Each structure stands twice: as structure tokens, then as C-alpha cells.
Amino acid sequence: MIRLCLTAEGKTEQQFAIQVLVPHLSGFGVYLSKPRLAATSRKKHHVQRGGLFAYEVVKNDLQDWLKQERGDDVRFTTMFDLYGLPRDFPGQGEAVSSQDKYARVQALEAAIAEDLKDPRFIPYIQLHEFEAILFSDPEAFRCYYEGRERQIEALVQLRDEFGNPELIDDGEATAPSKRIGEHFRDYEARKPTAGPIIAERIGLEVIRKKCSHFNEWLTKLEQLGEKS
């Protein structure tokens, strides 16, 4: 059995991991313990968590966790959003110039892996944020938002316009969560609950077909159990 330690950017990603990834990965012999939120600040021995504002704080927290868990049966991963990534994140200079969004996110993942220098670390950055995966099937919003046919249809049209949920852009007003919030005004306040429920209704099979970068990451995590 491989133990997997995940650092989630926020409560939405954390709850998605608990509700969807934990039961799925257990079937592959991978035990995902309760994901912890990314560190935002540290005062003496107290760490504030929830959000990704400064890379150095997150780096120090990850390094501490890597030192605490030295076993060969432990792996580490992240679930961070490309949207709003801190400016001090490693590789930003090279990656931001790339027009290929997949090449950009892969360069950033390689940069943080190189910075942490631990072979047990499997970086993952979501293109462009968690809400992108909800565009894999906007019809699933019905499980949480009953009677909102017009709003759901607007998301379906947007999904069809882009074709690939992971390529919905990362503008301040046009990132996936902002687009959802435009039609579901209460989503921002409810997303730690609503987002994982909707994702669970969509199902990993559909999400993986629509989101290739997410699929690559999940495949790596599944394979940890096969190698143990």
C-alpha cells in the first residue's frame, strides 16, 4: 500500500480529493490521507492554511512534510491552479512566454519538482483551475442547481465553444470559476460544497476523457499502487 500526501490549494480541491479521489485510488492500492491545505503564512509554530499566495511559504511547508515522512512507501503531490499562481513560483519566467498551455503547465511542474528535489514528489497544476473540470459535462449542474435550465445551457454553449475544458482561459473575469459565477451568482460562496458534488456527478471517466492533463496526473497516481 502506498500512502499519498496531497497539498490542495483550497477547500474545493481538498473536498474533491476526499469525495472523489480517495475512494477511487483505494481501488489501486493507494491510500490518500486527508489532504491538507496549502500554507499561506507561518508564525512560530502556527501555520495558516488555505490559498496559494507566496511560493516560499508553500515550499517550506512541503519540505517540512517531506522531511517528516521519509518512508519509501510515501508519495507527495499537489493540486494547485495555474490561474493566479504566485509570481515567485519557480519557472514562471520561462513558462509565461509559451503559447502552448500544456507546455506551460508542464514546465511549471518540472520547475517545482527540480526545486524540491525529491523523487517521491509528483507535482500537479490544474489547467487553469479546478472549475475547468466541471465543464466536462455542464449538464451535471442539475444535481445541485435545480430549475436553472437557462444557466446550464449557457455553460453547455461555452463548453462547446472551447471544446477542451482545460483551455478555457485564465483571465481575471473569464477564468472557469468566473464564467460559472456569471450564471450562478451564489457559486463562489458555495463552491467548496457545490464543486465536488458536481464533479462527483460528472464522474472521473468523463472528466478524464475531456481533460487530458488531469488524466495524465491521475494515471500516475494509479500506477503508484501497481509499483508497490
Foldseek 3Di string as FASTA:
>chain_A
DAEEEEEEAALQRQLLCVPAVQVVLVVLVYHYDRYHFAFDDDDPHDTDGHHAADVVSRLVVVLVVCVVDVDPRYAYEYEAAQQPHYPPQFPCVVLVPDPDVVVSQVSSQVRVCVVNVDPRYRYDYAQHHLLLLLLLQLVLLCVPDPPLVVLSVVSVVVCVVVVASSVQDRDPCGNNVNSSCVSVVCCVVVSSPSVSSSSVSCPPVSSCVRHVSVVVSSVVSSCSSVVD
